[in-house]
Amino acid sequence: MKYLGLIVVLTGLWFLPQQAMAATTSLSRAQQEKILEEAQMQYDEGAALVRNDPESADTKFRESAERFQILVDDGIVNGELYYDLGNAYFQAGDLGQAIANYLRATQLIPNDPRLDANLAHARTLVRPQVVKEGSDALVHRLTTWHHGWPIQSRLIIFGIAWIALWIAVLVRSNVRYAGFRWVAGATAIVAIAFGLSSTLTLTDNASLERGVLIKDEVVVRKGNADSYSPQFEEPVNQGLEFRVLEQRPQWLHIELLNGESGWIPSSDAEIISREITGNLAVS
C-alpha cells in the first residue's frame, strides 16, 4: 500500500467535524492517528516478510486488519480506510472480509483503479463461482453499462442527455434544421435508458441489501433452521456475494447472482448495503 492512502485517511480524520466525532467515536483524534499508523506499519512489515517468512507475514497482516478494524468499529467512515482494511484481510487470507470491505469502499471511492483491480482479483478466487447463465448472462453482458457503471456516472449522462434533448426542442421551435429527429430521438433514448437504469439501481439499493459470506463450508438451506434440508448439493464458501431477500432472527434469506435462493445463518455473512448510509463519509 502506498503512503498516500495513509495521508488521505489521516487528512479525513483531521477534518472530521468535532460534533460528528463526539457522536460516533470514543477514541480521540490522537489515538485514531496512532492506531492508523500502527496498522500501516504492521501491513508493511507483513509485506516485507511474505517471501521469506509467510507465517509471520500472515500474523502481521492479521494484526494490521485488527488495527484498521478498530477504527471502523469506532465509527470512522472512509473509503481509503475500507480499502486498506480489505487489503489487510486479503493478505491474511480472509477473502470474505476482504471483498466485503472492498464493496464498502466502492460506495465511497467509486472508479478507483486500485480498488477495482483488487476487488476483481478477489472475486476470481471465490469457489464455487456463481455466474448468470443462458439468456440472463447475455442480457447482463449487453447491459454492462447498467450493472457496471457507477450510479453517479449514469446520473450525469442522464442529465446531459435530458438537457440536450430540451435544447434541441427549443431550437427546433424557433429554427427548422436538418437532423432534428435524429438528435431528439438519440438524446431521448439515452435519457430514458440511463434515467430508468438509475431509478432501478436506487430502488434496488433502497429495498434490498447486499451481503458477502465470510465463512467456508456454509450450507444453504431450504428454510430458516438447521432442520431444513440443504438447498444445494455442495456448501458454499467465503467471498460469495448475494442479495438479502429477508431477515429473520439468526437467519438470512439470500439470492445468489444466478437467481437461486436459500437460507444461511446470519453469523456466516457480512451485510454491505445501508451500513454506511446516514454516516459521515470522509475521503
Foldseek 3Di string as FASTA:
>chain_A
DDCVLLVQLLVLLVPDDPVQLVVQADDDSVVLNVLSVQLVVLQVVLVVCCPPNVVSSLVSLVSSLVSLVNVVNRFAAELSSLQSNLVSCVSNPQLQSNLLSLVSSCVQDPPDVVSVVVNVVSLVPFPPNDAADDPVNVVCVVVCCLVPPDLVVLVVQLVVLVVQLVVLVVVCVPDPDPPSVVSNVVSVVSNVVSVVSSVVVVVCLVQKWKKWFRAQFWFFFADDDPVGDGPDPGGGGTGFMWIFPDDDVQKTWTAHNHGDIGMTGPVRMDIRGPPCPPGDYGD
